[in-house]
PDB file of all heavy atoms in Angstrom:
ATOM      1  N   PHE A   1       4.093   1.126 -12.872  1.00  0.00           N
ATOM      2  CA  PHE A   1       2.962   1.510 -12.031  1.00  0.00           C
ATOM      3  C   PHE A   1       1.637   1.357 -12.774  1.00  0.00           C
ATOM      4  O   PHE A   1       1.524   1.692 -13.952  1.00  0.00           O
ATOM      5  CB  PHE A   1       3.111   2.952 -11.539  1.00  0.00           C
ATOM      6  CG  PHE A   1       4.324   3.164 -10.672  1.00  0.00           C
ATOM      7  CD1 PHE A   1       5.118   4.290 -10.815  1.00  0.00           C
ATOM      8  CD2 PHE A   1       4.668   2.232  -9.703  1.00  0.00           C
ATOM      9  CE1 PHE A   1       6.233   4.479 -10.025  1.00  0.00           C
ATOM     10  CE2 PHE A   1       5.787   2.407  -8.908  1.00  0.00           C
ATOM     11  CZ  PHE A   1       6.573   3.539  -9.072  1.00  0.00           C
ATOM     12  N   CYS A   2       0.633   0.854 -12.064  1.00  0.00           N
ATOM     13  CA  CYS A   2      -0.692   0.626 -12.648  1.00  0.00           C
ATOM     14  C   CYS A   2      -1.728   1.626 -12.145  1.00  0.00           C
ATOM     15  O   CYS A   2      -2.737   1.855 -12.804  1.00  0.00           O
ATOM     16  CB  CYS A   2      -1.185  -0.785 -12.314  1.00  0.00           C
ATOM     17  SG  CYS A   2      -0.102  -2.108 -12.855  1.00  0.00           S
ATOM     18  N   MET A   3      -1.507   2.198 -10.973  1.00  0.00           N
ATOM     19  CA  MET A   3      -2.494   3.047 -10.317  1.00  0.00           C
ATOM     20  C   MET A   3      -1.935   4.452 -10.113  1.00  0.00           C
ATOM     21  O   MET A   3      -0.716   4.653 -10.102  1.00  0.00           O
ATOM     22  CB  MET A   3      -2.903   2.441  -8.965  1.00  0.00           C
ATOM     23  CG  MET A   3      -3.330   0.978  -9.040  1.00  0.00           C
ATOM     24  SD  MET A   3      -4.751   0.709 -10.117  1.00  0.00           S
ATOM     25  CE  MET A   3      -6.045   1.399  -9.077  1.00  0.00           C
ATOM     26  N   PRO A   4      -2.793   5.458  -9.904  1.00  0.00           N
ATOM     27  CA  PRO A   4      -2.314   6.832  -9.778  1.00  0.00           C
ATOM     28  C   PRO A   4      -1.798   7.203  -8.390  1.00  0.00           C
ATOM     29  O   PRO A   4      -1.025   8.151  -8.257  1.00  0.00           O
ATOM     30  CB  PRO A   4      -3.548   7.671 -10.136  1.00  0.00           C
ATOM     31  CG  PRO A   4      -4.709   6.803  -9.775  1.00  0.00           C
ATOM     32  CD  PRO A   4      -4.268   5.399 -10.050  1.00  0.00           C
ATOM     33  N   PHE A   5      -2.208   6.471  -7.338  1.00  0.00           N
ATOM     34  CA  PHE A   5      -1.822   6.827  -5.976  1.00  0.00           C
ATOM     35  C   PHE A   5      -0.963   5.726  -5.353  1.00  0.00           C
ATOM     36  O   PHE A   5      -1.096   4.540  -5.696  1.00  0.00           O
ATOM     37  CB  PHE A   5      -3.060   7.056  -5.103  1.00  0.00           C
ATOM     38  CG  PHE A   5      -3.830   8.304  -5.451  1.00  0.00           C
ATOM     39  CD1 PHE A   5      -4.826   8.258  -6.421  1.00  0.00           C
ATOM     40  CD2 PHE A   5      -3.562   9.510  -4.827  1.00  0.00           C
ATOM     41  CE1 PHE A   5      -5.545   9.394  -6.755  1.00  0.00           C
ATOM     42  CE2 PHE A   5      -4.270  10.653  -5.150  1.00  0.00           C
ATOM     43  CZ  PHE A   5      -5.263  10.602  -6.123  1.00  0.00           C
ATOM     44  N   VAL A   6      -0.115   6.122  -4.405  1.00  0.00           N
ATOM     45  CA  VAL A   6       0.806   5.187  -3.757  1.00  0.00           C
ATOM     46  C   VAL A   6       0.063   4.036  -3.095  1.00  0.00           C
ATOM     47  O   VAL A   6       0.362   2.856  -3.322  1.00  0.00           O
ATOM     48  CB  VAL A   6       1.679   5.927  -2.721  1.00  0.00           C
ATOM     49  CG1 VAL A   6       2.478   4.927  -1.880  1.00  0.00           C
ATOM     50  CG2 VAL A   6       2.613   6.903  -3.419  1.00  0.00           C
ATOM     51  N   ASP A   7      -0.922   4.356  -2.237  1.00  0.00           N
ATOM     52  CA  ASP A   7      -1.634   3.296  -1.525  1.00  0.00           C
ATOM     53  C   ASP A   7      -2.422   2.395  -2.470  1.00  0.00           C
ATOM     54  O   ASP A   7      -2.526   1.185  -2.261  1.00  0.00           O
ATOM     55  CB  ASP A   7      -2.542   3.880  -0.436  1.00  0.00           C
ATOM     56  CG  ASP A   7      -3.550   4.881  -0.972  1.00  0.00           C
ATOM     57  OD1 ASP A   7      -3.430   5.306  -2.142  1.00  0.00           O
ATOM     58  OD2 ASP A   7      -4.461   5.258  -0.201  1.00  0.00           O
ATOM     59  N   GLU A   8      -2.942   2.971  -3.551  1.00  0.00           N
ATOM     60  CA  GLU A   8      -3.694   2.176  -4.515  1.00  0.00           C
ATOM     61  C   GLU A   8      -2.772   1.221  -5.274  1.00  0.00           C
ATOM     62  O   GLU A   8      -3.174   0.096  -5.623  1.00  0.00           O
ATOM     63  CB  GLU A   8      -4.428   3.088  -5.494  1.00  0.00           C
ATOM     64  CG  GLU A   8      -5.551   3.897  -4.845  1.00  0.00           C
ATOM     65  CD  GLU A   8      -6.231   4.833  -5.820  1.00  0.00           C
ATOM     66  OE1 GLU A   8      -5.783   4.904  -6.992  1.00  0.00           O
ATOM     67  OE2 GLU A   8      -7.191   5.515  -5.420  1.00  0.00           O
ATOM     68  N   GLU A   9      -1.536   1.654  -5.536  1.00  0.00           N
ATOM     69  CA  GLU A   9      -0.572   0.798  -6.221  1.00  0.00           C
ATOM     70  C   GLU A   9      -0.269  -0.449  -5.383  1.00  0.00           C
ATOM     71  O   GLU A   9      -0.251  -1.577  -5.890  1.00  0.00           O
ATOM     72  CB  GLU A   9       0.724   1.578  -6.491  1.00  0.00           C
ATOM     73  CG  GLU A   9       1.799   0.796  -7.220  1.00  0.00           C
ATOM     74  CD  GLU A   9       1.437   0.471  -8.656  1.00  0.00           C
ATOM     75  OE1 GLU A   9       0.592   1.167  -9.236  1.00  0.00           O
ATOM     76  OE2 GLU A   9       2.012  -0.497  -9.189  1.00  0.00           O
ATOM     77  N   LEU A  10      -0.047  -0.246  -4.096  1.00  0.00           N
ATOM     78  CA  LEU A  10       0.243  -1.374  -3.224  1.00  0.00           C
ATOM     79  C   LEU A  10      -1.012  -2.199  -2.946  1.00  0.00           C
ATOM     80  O   LEU A  10      -0.948  -3.431  -2.832  1.00  0.00           O
ATOM     81  CB  LEU A  10       0.857  -0.869  -1.918  1.00  0.00           C
ATOM     82  CG  LEU A  10       2.238  -0.209  -2.070  1.00  0.00           C
ATOM     83  CD1 LEU A  10       2.709   0.357  -0.753  1.00  0.00           C
ATOM     84  CD2 LEU A  10       3.258  -1.198  -2.618  1.00  0.00           C
ATOM     85  N   ALA A  11      -2.158  -1.524  -2.842  1.00  0.00           N
ATOM     86  CA  ALA A  11      -3.418  -2.246  -2.626  1.00  0.00           C
ATOM     87  C   ALA A  11      -3.734  -3.155  -3.808  1.00  0.00           C
ATOM     88  O   ALA A  11      -4.297  -4.244  -3.640  1.00  0.00           O
ATOM     89  CB  ALA A  11      -4.560  -1.258  -2.397  1.00  0.00           C
ATOM     90  N   PHE A  12      -3.367  -2.717  -5.005  1.00  0.00           N
ATOM     91  CA  PHE A  12      -3.578  -3.530  -6.207  1.00  0.00           C
ATOM     92  C   PHE A  12      -2.841  -4.860  -6.089  1.00  0.00           C
ATOM     93  O   PHE A  12      -3.367  -5.926  -6.431  1.00  0.00           O
ATOM     94  CB  PHE A  12      -3.101  -2.752  -7.439  1.00  0.00           C
ATOM     95  CG  PHE A  12      -3.247  -3.490  -8.735  1.00  0.00           C
ATOM     96  CD1 PHE A  12      -4.484  -3.616  -9.339  1.00  0.00           C
ATOM     97  CD2 PHE A  12      -2.145  -4.071  -9.352  1.00  0.00           C
ATOM     98  CE1 PHE A  12      -4.625  -4.298 -10.539  1.00  0.00           C
ATOM     99  CE2 PHE A  12      -2.269  -4.756 -10.547  1.00  0.00           C
ATOM    100  CZ  PHE A  12      -3.521  -4.874 -11.143  1.00  0.00           C
ATOM    101  N   VAL A  13      -1.603  -4.791  -5.556  1.00  0.00           N
ATOM    102  CA  VAL A  13      -0.825  -6.013  -5.346  1.00  0.00           C
ATOM    103  C   VAL A  13      -1.494  -6.883  -4.281  1.00  0.00           C
ATOM    104  O   VAL A  13      -1.660  -8.098  -4.459  1.00  0.00           O
ATOM    105  CB  VAL A  13       0.614  -5.665  -4.912  1.00  0.00           C
ATOM    106  CG1 VAL A  13       1.399  -6.948  -4.606  1.00  0.00           C
ATOM    107  CG2 VAL A  13       1.327  -4.870  -5.992  1.00  0.00           C
ATOM    108  N   LEU A  14      -1.894  -6.265  -3.182  1.00  0.00           N
ATOM    109  CA  LEU A  14      -2.485  -7.018  -2.073  1.00  0.00           C
ATOM    110  C   LEU A  14      -3.814  -7.660  -2.466  1.00  0.00           C
ATOM    111  O   LEU A  14      -4.144  -8.763  -2.016  1.00  0.00           O
ATOM    112  CB  LEU A  14      -2.675  -6.095  -0.867  1.00  0.00           C
ATOM    113  CG  LEU A  14      -1.378  -5.538  -0.258  1.00  0.00           C
ATOM    114  CD1 LEU A  14      -1.691  -4.537   0.839  1.00  0.00           C
ATOM    115  CD2 LEU A  14      -0.511  -6.672   0.276  1.00  0.00           C
ATOM    116  N   GLU A  15      -4.576  -6.974  -3.304  1.00  0.00           N
ATOM    117  CA  GLU A  15      -5.842  -7.548  -3.778  1.00  0.00           C
ATOM    118  C   GLU A  15      -5.590  -8.826  -4.576  1.00  0.00           C
ATOM    119  O   GLU A  15      -6.340  -9.805  -4.465  1.00  0.00           O
ATOM    120  CB  GLU A  15      -6.590  -6.528  -4.640  1.00  0.00           C
ATOM    121  CG  GLU A  15      -7.242  -5.423  -3.829  1.00  0.00           C
ATOM    122  CD  GLU A  15      -7.831  -4.327  -4.711  1.00  0.00           C
ATOM    123  OE1 GLU A  15      -7.583  -4.365  -5.943  1.00  0.00           O
ATOM    124  OE2 GLU A  15      -8.510  -3.446  -4.178  1.00  0.00           O
ATOM    125  N   ASN A  16      -4.534  -8.813  -5.388  1.00  0.00           N
ATOM    126  CA  ASN A  16      -4.201 -10.006  -6.163  1.00  0.00           C
ATOM    127  C   ASN A  16      -3.728 -11.150  -5.274  1.00  0.00           C
ATOM    128  O   ASN A  16      -3.794 -12.317  -5.667  1.00  0.00           O
ATOM    129  CB  ASN A  16      -3.123  -9.666  -7.203  1.00  0.00           C
ATOM    130  CG  ASN A  16      -3.689  -8.970  -8.423  1.00  0.00           C
ATOM    131  OD1 ASN A  16      -4.256  -9.587  -9.304  1.00  0.00           O
ATOM    132  ND2 ASN A  16      -3.544  -7.645  -8.461  1.00  0.00           N
ATOM    133  N   LEU A  17      -3.255 -10.815  -4.072  1.00  0.00           N
ATOM    134  CA  LEU A  17      -2.851 -11.838  -3.112  1.00  0.00           C
ATOM    135  C   LEU A  17      -3.995 -12.217  -2.170  1.00  0.00           C
ATOM    136  O   LEU A  17      -3.805 -12.994  -1.240  1.00  0.00           O
ATOM    137  CB  LEU A  17      -1.655 -11.329  -2.288  1.00  0.00           C
ATOM    138  CG  LEU A  17      -0.357 -11.068  -3.052  1.00  0.00           C
ATOM    139  CD1 LEU A  17       0.683 -10.440  -2.130  1.00  0.00           C
ATOM    140  CD2 LEU A  17       0.190 -12.363  -3.650  1.00  0.00           C
ATOM    141  N   ARG A  18      -5.175 -11.615  -2.417  1.00  0.00           N
ATOM    142  CA  ARG A  18      -6.382 -11.867  -1.620  1.00  0.00           C
ATOM    143  C   ARG A  18      -6.196 -11.491  -0.149  1.00  0.00           C
ATOM    144  O   ARG A  18      -6.670 -12.169   0.758  1.00  0.00           O
ATOM    145  CB  ARG A  18      -6.799 -13.331  -1.735  1.00  0.00           C
ATOM    146  CG  ARG A  18      -7.154 -13.742  -3.155  1.00  0.00           C
ATOM    147  CD  ARG A  18      -7.619 -15.182  -3.229  1.00  0.00           C
ATOM    148  NE  ARG A  18      -7.972 -15.548  -4.603  1.00  0.00           N
ATOM    149  CZ  ARG A  18      -8.403 -16.747  -4.972  1.00  0.00           C
ATOM    150  NH1 ARG A  18      -8.532 -17.707  -4.047  1.00  0.00           N
ATOM    151  NH2 ARG A  18      -8.698 -17.004  -6.230  1.00  0.00           N
ATOM    152  N   THR A  19      -5.478 -10.405   0.078  1.00  0.00           N
ATOM    153  CA  THR A  19      -5.300  -9.903   1.432  1.00  0.00           C
ATOM    154  C   THR A  19      -6.608  -9.292   1.921  1.00  0.00           C
ATOM    155  O   THR A  19      -7.209  -8.479   1.207  1.00  0.00           O
ATOM    156  CB  THR A  19      -4.185  -8.833   1.473  1.00  0.00           C
ATOM    157  OG1 THR A  19      -2.981  -9.417   0.971  1.00  0.00           O
ATOM    158  CG2 THR A  19      -3.966  -8.320   2.889  1.00  0.00           C
ATOM    159  N   PRO A  20      -7.090  -9.630   3.110  1.00  0.00           N
ATOM    160  CA  PRO A  20      -8.327  -9.037   3.630  1.00  0.00           C
ATOM    161  C   PRO A  20      -8.229  -7.510   3.687  1.00  0.00           C
ATOM    162  O   PRO A  20      -7.192  -6.968   4.049  1.00  0.00           O
ATOM    163  CB  PRO A  20      -8.449  -9.643   5.037  1.00  0.00           C
ATOM    164  CG  PRO A  20      -7.698 -10.923   4.957  1.00  0.00           C
ATOM    165  CD  PRO A  20      -6.550 -10.664   4.024  1.00  0.00           C
ATOM    166  N   ARG A  21      -9.313  -6.862   3.313  1.00  0.00           N
ATOM    167  CA  ARG A  21      -9.324  -5.404   3.214  1.00  0.00           C
ATOM    168  C   ARG A  21      -8.903  -4.732   4.518  1.00  0.00           C
ATOM    169  O   ARG A  21      -8.190  -3.730   4.524  1.00  0.00           O
ATOM    170  CB  ARG A  21     -10.724  -4.933   2.800  1.00  0.00           C
ATOM    171  CG  ARG A  21     -10.798  -3.449   2.483  1.00  0.00           C
ATOM    172  CD  ARG A  21     -12.178  -3.061   1.997  1.00  0.00           C
ATOM    173  NE  ARG A  21     -12.230  -1.680   1.570  1.00  0.00           N
ATOM    174  CZ  ARG A  21     -11.916  -1.265   0.363  1.00  0.00           C
ATOM    175  NH1 ARG A  21     -11.533  -2.129  -0.552  1.00  0.00           N
ATOM    176  NH2 ARG A  21     -11.980   0.013   0.039  1.00  0.00           N
ATOM    177  N   GLU A  22      -9.366  -5.296   5.647  1.00  0.00           N
ATOM    178  CA  GLU A  22      -9.066  -4.669   6.936  1.00  0.00           C
ATOM    179  C   GLU A  22      -7.587  -4.751   7.298  1.00  0.00           C
ATOM    180  O   GLU A  22      -7.114  -4.019   8.186  1.00  0.00           O
ATOM    181  CB  GLU A  22      -9.915  -5.305   8.043  1.00  0.00           C
ATOM    182  CG  GLU A  22      -9.694  -6.795   8.247  1.00  0.00           C
ATOM    183  CD  GLU A  22     -10.595  -7.645   7.370  1.00  0.00           C
ATOM    184  OE1 GLU A  22     -11.193  -7.094   6.405  1.00  0.00           O
ATOM    185  OE2 GLU A  22     -10.721  -8.847   7.654  1.00  0.00           O
ATOM    186  N   GLU A  23      -6.821  -5.606   6.608  1.00  0.00           N
ATOM    187  CA  GLU A  23      -5.394  -5.730   6.890  1.00  0.00           C
ATOM    188  C   GLU A  23      -4.536  -4.872   5.961  1.00  0.00           C
ATOM    189  O   GLU A  23      -3.331  -4.708   6.205  1.00  0.00           O
ATOM    190  CB  GLU A  23      -4.966  -7.196   6.752  1.00  0.00           C
ATOM    191  CG  GLU A  23      -5.623  -8.138   7.751  1.00  0.00           C
ATOM    192  CD  GLU A  23      -5.209  -9.577   7.530  1.00  0.00           C
ATOM    193  OE1 GLU A  23      -4.229  -9.790   6.772  1.00  0.00           O
ATOM    194  OE2 GLU A  23      -5.842 -10.489   8.088  1.00  0.00           O
ATOM    195  N   MET A  24      -5.154  -4.336   4.924  1.00  0.00           N
ATOM    196  CA  MET A  24      -4.373  -3.658   3.887  1.00  0.00           C
ATOM    197  C   MET A  24      -3.664  -2.405   4.384  1.00  0.00           C
ATOM    198  O   MET A  24      -2.487  -2.180   4.067  1.00  0.00           O
ATOM    199  CB  MET A  24      -5.272  -3.312   2.696  1.00  0.00           C
ATOM    200  CG  MET A  24      -5.606  -4.487   1.820  1.00  0.00           C
ATOM    201  SD  MET A  24      -6.453  -3.957   0.309  1.00  0.00           S
ATOM    202  CE  MET A  24      -6.719  -5.528  -0.479  1.00  0.00           C
ATOM    203  N   LYS A  25      -4.352  -1.590   5.172  1.00  0.00           N
ATOM    204  CA  LYS A  25      -3.751  -0.324   5.600  1.00  0.00           C
ATOM    205  C   LYS A  25      -2.467  -0.572   6.379  1.00  0.00           C
ATOM    206  O   LYS A  25      -1.439   0.080   6.158  1.00  0.00           O
ATOM    207  CB  LYS A  25      -4.745   0.469   6.441  1.00  0.00           C
ATOM    208  CG  LYS A  25      -4.237   1.866   6.833  1.00  0.00           C
ATOM    209  CD  LYS A  25      -5.307   2.682   7.530  1.00  0.00           C
ATOM    210  CE  LYS A  25      -6.415   3.079   6.571  1.00  0.00           C
ATOM    211  NZ  LYS A  25      -7.377   4.029   7.218  1.00  0.00           N
ATOM    212  N   GLY A  26      -2.497  -1.538   7.288  1.00  0.00           N
ATOM    213  CA  GLY A  26      -1.306  -1.864   8.060  1.00  0.00           C
ATOM    214  C   GLY A  26      -0.199  -2.434   7.191  1.00  0.00           C
ATOM    215  O   GLY A  26       0.983  -2.108   7.377  1.00  0.00           O
ATOM    216  N   GLU A  27      -0.575  -3.287   6.227  1.00  0.00           N
ATOM    217  CA  GLU A  27       0.407  -3.866   5.308  1.00  0.00           C
ATOM    218  C   GLU A  27       1.084  -2.794   4.468  1.00  0.00           C
ATOM    219  O   GLU A  27       2.298  -2.825   4.263  1.00  0.00           O
ATOM    220  CB  GLU A  27      -0.285  -4.884   4.391  1.00  0.00           C
ATOM    221  CG  GLU A  27      -0.562  -6.221   5.033  1.00  0.00           C
ATOM    222  CD  GLU A  27       0.674  -7.099   5.079  1.00  0.00           C
ATOM    223  OE1 GLU A  27       1.325  -7.289   4.040  1.00  0.00           O
ATOM    224  OE2 GLU A  27       0.999  -7.562   6.183  1.00  0.00           O
ATOM    225  N   ILE A  28       0.291  -1.842   4.002  1.00  0.00           N
ATOM    226  CA  ILE A  28       0.832  -0.764   3.167  1.00  0.00           C
ATOM    227  C   ILE A  28       1.815   0.077   3.964  1.00  0.00           C
ATOM    228  O   ILE A  28       2.913   0.415   3.487  1.00  0.00           O
ATOM    229  CB  ILE A  28      -0.321   0.100   2.595  1.00  0.00           C
ATOM    230  CG1 ILE A  28      -1.087  -0.708   1.543  1.00  0.00           C
ATOM    231  CG2 ILE A  28       0.221   1.399   1.997  1.00  0.00           C
ATOM    232  CD1 ILE A  28      -2.363  -0.044   1.075  1.00  0.00           C
ATOM    233  N   ARG A  29       1.445   0.443   5.172  1.00  0.00           N
ATOM    234  CA  ARG A  29       2.334   1.225   6.028  1.00  0.00           C
ATOM    235  C   ARG A  29       3.643   0.474   6.278  1.00  0.00           C
ATOM    236  O   ARG A  29       4.730   1.049   6.253  1.00  0.00           O
ATOM    237  CB  ARG A  29       1.650   1.521   7.365  1.00  0.00           C
ATOM    238  CG  ARG A  29       0.508   2.521   7.294  1.00  0.00           C
ATOM    239  CD  ARG A  29       1.024   3.936   7.231  1.00  0.00           C
ATOM    240  NE  ARG A  29      -0.065   4.913   7.318  1.00  0.00           N
ATOM    241  CZ  ARG A  29       0.117   6.230   7.194  1.00  0.00           C
ATOM    242  NH1 ARG A  29       1.337   6.705   6.978  1.00  0.00           N
ATOM    243  NH2 ARG A  29      -0.902   7.055   7.282  1.00  0.00           N
ATOM    244  N   TRP A  30       3.530  -0.846   6.527  1.00  0.00           N
ATOM    245  CA  TRP A  30       4.711  -1.650   6.799  1.00  0.00           C
ATOM    246  C   TRP A  30       5.630  -1.712   5.582  1.00  0.00           C
ATOM    247  O   TRP A  30       6.858  -1.555   5.709  1.00  0.00           O
ATOM    248  CB  TRP A  30       4.289  -3.066   7.206  1.00  0.00           C
ATOM    249  CG  TRP A  30       5.456  -3.970   7.441  1.00  0.00           C
ATOM    250  CD1 TRP A  30       6.244  -4.042   8.560  1.00  0.00           C
ATOM    251  CD2 TRP A  30       5.998  -4.921   6.508  1.00  0.00           C
ATOM    252  NE1 TRP A  30       7.229  -4.986   8.399  1.00  0.00           N
ATOM    253  CE2 TRP A  30       7.109  -5.539   7.154  1.00  0.00           C
ATOM    254  CE3 TRP A  30       5.645  -5.315   5.228  1.00  0.00           C
ATOM    255  CZ2 TRP A  30       7.867  -6.523   6.525  1.00  0.00           C
ATOM    256  CZ3 TRP A  30       6.402  -6.294   4.607  1.00  0.00           C
ATOM    257  CH2 TRP A  30       7.496  -6.886   5.244  1.00  0.00           C
ATOM    258  N   MET A  31       5.051  -1.909   4.395  1.00  0.00           N
ATOM    259  CA  MET A  31       5.858  -2.007   3.172  1.00  0.00           C
ATOM    260  C   MET A  31       6.582  -0.700   2.884  1.00  0.00           C
ATOM    261  O   MET A  31       7.759  -0.700   2.508  1.00  0.00           O
ATOM    262  CB  MET A  31       4.978  -2.415   1.990  1.00  0.00           C
ATOM    263  CG  MET A  31       4.573  -3.878   2.017  1.00  0.00           C
ATOM    264  SD  MET A  31       3.672  -4.377   0.539  1.00  0.00           S
ATOM    265  CE  MET A  31       2.097  -3.589   0.800  1.00  0.00           C
ATOM    266  N   LEU A  32       5.895   0.424   3.057  1.00  0.00           N
ATOM    267  CA  LEU A  32       6.529   1.718   2.823  1.00  0.00           C
ATOM    268  C   LEU A  32       7.653   1.960   3.818  1.00  0.00           C
ATOM    269  O   LEU A  32       8.705   2.509   3.480  1.00  0.00           O
ATOM    270  CB  LEU A  32       5.490   2.839   2.912  1.00  0.00           C
ATOM    271  CG  LEU A  32       4.404   2.837   1.835  1.00  0.00           C
ATOM    272  CD1 LEU A  32       3.406   3.960   2.082  1.00  0.00           C
ATOM    273  CD2 LEU A  32       5.019   2.983   0.443  1.00  0.00           C
ATOM    274  N   SER A  33       7.441   1.530   5.054  1.00  0.00           N
ATOM    275  CA  SER A  33       8.470   1.677   6.079  1.00  0.00           C
ATOM    276  C   SER A  33       9.695   0.827   5.766  1.00  0.00           C
ATOM    277  O   SER A  33      10.833   1.261   5.974  1.00  0.00           O
ATOM    278  CB  SER A  33       7.899   1.290   7.447  1.00  0.00           C
ATOM    279  OG  SER A  33       8.900   1.289   8.440  1.00  0.00           O
ATOM    280  N   GLU A  34       9.469  -0.366   5.235  1.00  0.00           N
ATOM    281  CA  GLU A  34      10.566  -1.281   4.927  1.00  0.00           C
ATOM    282  C   GLU A  34      11.528  -0.708   3.896  1.00  0.00           C
ATOM    283  O   GLU A  34      12.737  -0.954   3.951  1.00  0.00           O
ATOM    284  CB  GLU A  34      10.019  -2.619   4.429  1.00  0.00           C
ATOM    285  CG  GLU A  34       9.521  -3.538   5.528  1.00  0.00           C
ATOM    286  CD  GLU A  34      10.636  -4.012   6.444  1.00  0.00           C
ATOM    287  OE1 GLU A  34      11.514  -4.742   5.976  1.00  0.00           O
ATOM    288  OE2 GLU A  34      10.627  -3.610   7.626  1.00  0.00           O
ATOM    289  N   VAL A  35      11.014   0.056   2.944  1.00  0.00           N
ATOM    290  CA  VAL A  35      11.880   0.628   1.898  1.00  0.00           C
ATOM    291  C   VAL A  35      12.230   2.082   2.185  1.00  0.00           C
ATOM    292  O   VAL A  35      12.867   2.748   1.368  1.00  0.00           O
ATOM    293  CB  VAL A  35      11.222   0.507   0.498  1.00  0.00           C
ATOM    294  CG1 VAL A  35      11.038  -0.942   0.124  1.00  0.00           C
ATOM    295  CG2 VAL A  35       9.898   1.268   0.434  1.00  0.00           C
ATOM    296  N   GLY A  36      11.812   2.598   3.332  1.00  0.00           N
ATOM    297  CA  GLY A  36      12.164   3.971   3.709  1.00  0.00           C
ATOM    298  C   GLY A  36      11.434   5.042   2.935  1.00  0.00           C
ATOM    299  O   GLY A  36      11.959   6.151   2.758  1.00  0.00           O
ATOM    300  N   LEU A  37      10.219   4.748   2.478  1.00  0.00           N
ATOM    301  CA  LEU A  37       9.433   5.762   1.770  1.00  0.00           C
ATOM    302  C   LEU A  37       8.519   6.442   2.786  1.00  0.00           C
ATOM    303  O   LEU A  37       7.424   5.975   3.106  1.00  0.00           O
ATOM    304  CB  LEU A  37       8.617   5.113   0.650  1.00  0.00           C
ATOM    305  CG  LEU A  37       7.791   6.065  -0.234  1.00  0.00           C
ATOM    306  CD1 LEU A  37       8.627   7.231  -0.737  1.00  0.00           C
ATOM    307  CD2 LEU A  37       7.175   5.309  -1.411  1.00  0.00           C
ATOM    308  N   ASP A  38       8.983   7.556   3.317  1.00  0.00           N
ATOM    309  CA  ASP A  38       8.268   8.273   4.372  1.00  0.00           C
ATOM    310  C   ASP A  38       7.280   9.272   3.768  1.00  0.00           C
ATOM    311  O   ASP A  38       7.677  10.275   3.173  1.00  0.00           O
ATOM    312  CB  ASP A  38       9.266   9.015   5.275  1.00  0.00           C
ATOM    313  CG  ASP A  38      10.276   8.071   5.911  1.00  0.00           C
ATOM    314  OD1 ASP A  38       9.851   6.990   6.335  1.00  0.00           O
ATOM    315  OD2 ASP A  38      11.465   8.423   5.964  1.00  0.00           O
ATOM    316  N   LEU A  39       6.002   8.983   3.922  1.00  0.00           N
ATOM    317  CA  LEU A  39       4.952   9.851   3.402  1.00  0.00           C
ATOM    318  C   LEU A  39       3.983  10.200   4.528  1.00  0.00           C
ATOM    319  O   LEU A  39       3.612   9.342   5.331  1.00  0.00           O
ATOM    320  CB  LEU A  39       4.175   9.153   2.280  1.00  0.00           C
ATOM    321  CG  LEU A  39       4.960   8.760   1.024  1.00  0.00           C
ATOM    322  CD1 LEU A  39       4.087   7.917   0.108  1.00  0.00           C
ATOM    323  CD2 LEU A  39       5.458   9.999   0.288  1.00  0.00           C
ATOM    324  N   ASP A  40       3.582  11.466   4.586  1.00  0.00           N
ATOM    325  CA  ASP A  40       2.590  11.866   5.587  1.00  0.00           C
ATOM    326  C   ASP A  40       1.272  11.153   5.338  1.00  0.00           C
ATOM    327  O   ASP A  40       0.560  10.786   6.280  1.00  0.00           O
ATOM    328  CB  ASP A  40       2.386  13.391   5.550  1.00  0.00           C
ATOM    329  CG  ASP A  40       3.634  14.152   5.991  1.00  0.00           C
ATOM    330  OD1 ASP A  40       4.398  13.582   6.802  1.00  0.00           O
ATOM    331  OD2 ASP A  40       3.850  15.267   5.514  1.00  0.00           O
ATOM    332  N   ASP A  41       0.959  10.963   4.043  1.00  0.00           N
ATOM    333  CA  ASP A  41      -0.284  10.301   3.663  1.00  0.00           C
ATOM    334  C   ASP A  41       0.000   9.354   2.505  1.00  0.00           C
ATOM    335  O   ASP A  41       0.418   9.802   1.428  1.00  0.00           O
ATOM    336  CB  ASP A  41      -1.325  11.361   3.244  1.00  0.00           C
ATOM    337  CG  ASP A  41      -2.667  10.736   2.857  1.00  0.00           C
ATOM    338  OD1 ASP A  41      -2.818   9.503   3.010  1.00  0.00           O
ATOM    339  OD2 ASP A  41      -3.553  11.493   2.401  1.00  0.00           O
ATOM    340  N   PRO A  42      -0.198   8.039   2.696  1.00  0.00           N
ATOM    341  CA  PRO A  42       0.037   7.098   1.589  1.00  0.00           C
ATOM    342  C   PRO A  42      -0.841   7.359   0.377  1.00  0.00           C
ATOM    343  O   PRO A  42      -0.504   6.921  -0.725  1.00  0.00           O
ATOM    344  CB  PRO A  42      -0.290   5.735   2.214  1.00  0.00           C
ATOM    345  CG  PRO A  42      -0.095   5.932   3.677  1.00  0.00           C
ATOM    346  CD  PRO A  42      -0.555   7.338   3.941  1.00  0.00           C
ATOM    347  N   HIS A  43      -1.954   8.060   0.565  1.00  0.00           N
ATOM    348  CA  HIS A  43      -2.808   8.394  -0.573  1.00  0.00           C
ATOM    349  C   HIS A  43      -2.249   9.635  -1.261  1.00  0.00           C
ATOM    350  O   HIS A  43      -2.848  10.704  -1.298  1.00  0.00           O
ATOM    351  CB  HIS A  43      -4.244   8.627  -0.114  1.00  0.00           C
ATOM    352  CG  HIS A  43      -5.231   8.649  -1.254  1.00  0.00           C
ATOM    353  ND1 HIS A  43      -5.474   7.556  -2.055  1.00  0.00           N
ATOM    354  CD2 HIS A  43      -6.029   9.650  -1.735  1.00  0.00           C
ATOM    355  CE1 HIS A  43      -6.384   7.876  -2.974  1.00  0.00           C
ATOM    356  NE2 HIS A  43      -6.727   9.140  -2.799  1.00  0.00           N
ATOM    357  N   THR A  44      -1.040   9.466  -1.776  1.00  0.00           N
ATOM    358  CA  THR A  44      -0.305  10.534  -2.453  1.00  0.00           C
ATOM    359  C   THR A  44      -0.161  10.180  -3.923  1.00  0.00           C
ATOM    360  O   THR A  44       0.109   9.023  -4.264  1.00  0.00           O
ATOM    361  CB  THR A  44       1.095  10.701  -1.831  1.00  0.00           C
ATOM    362  OG1 THR A  44       0.961  11.105  -0.462  1.00  0.00           O
ATOM    363  CG2 THR A  44       1.918  11.742  -2.580  1.00  0.00           C
TER     364      THR A  44
END
């Protein structure tokens, strides 16, 4: 892990892939859902 928060960890990956900022929140939710990581708030 490189970042202190869940969403920031995944956003770090997406930034390196040049994912548009407005798409990141949906991408993060989708990735967490795919692996079954159920969080009330991704900024955990």
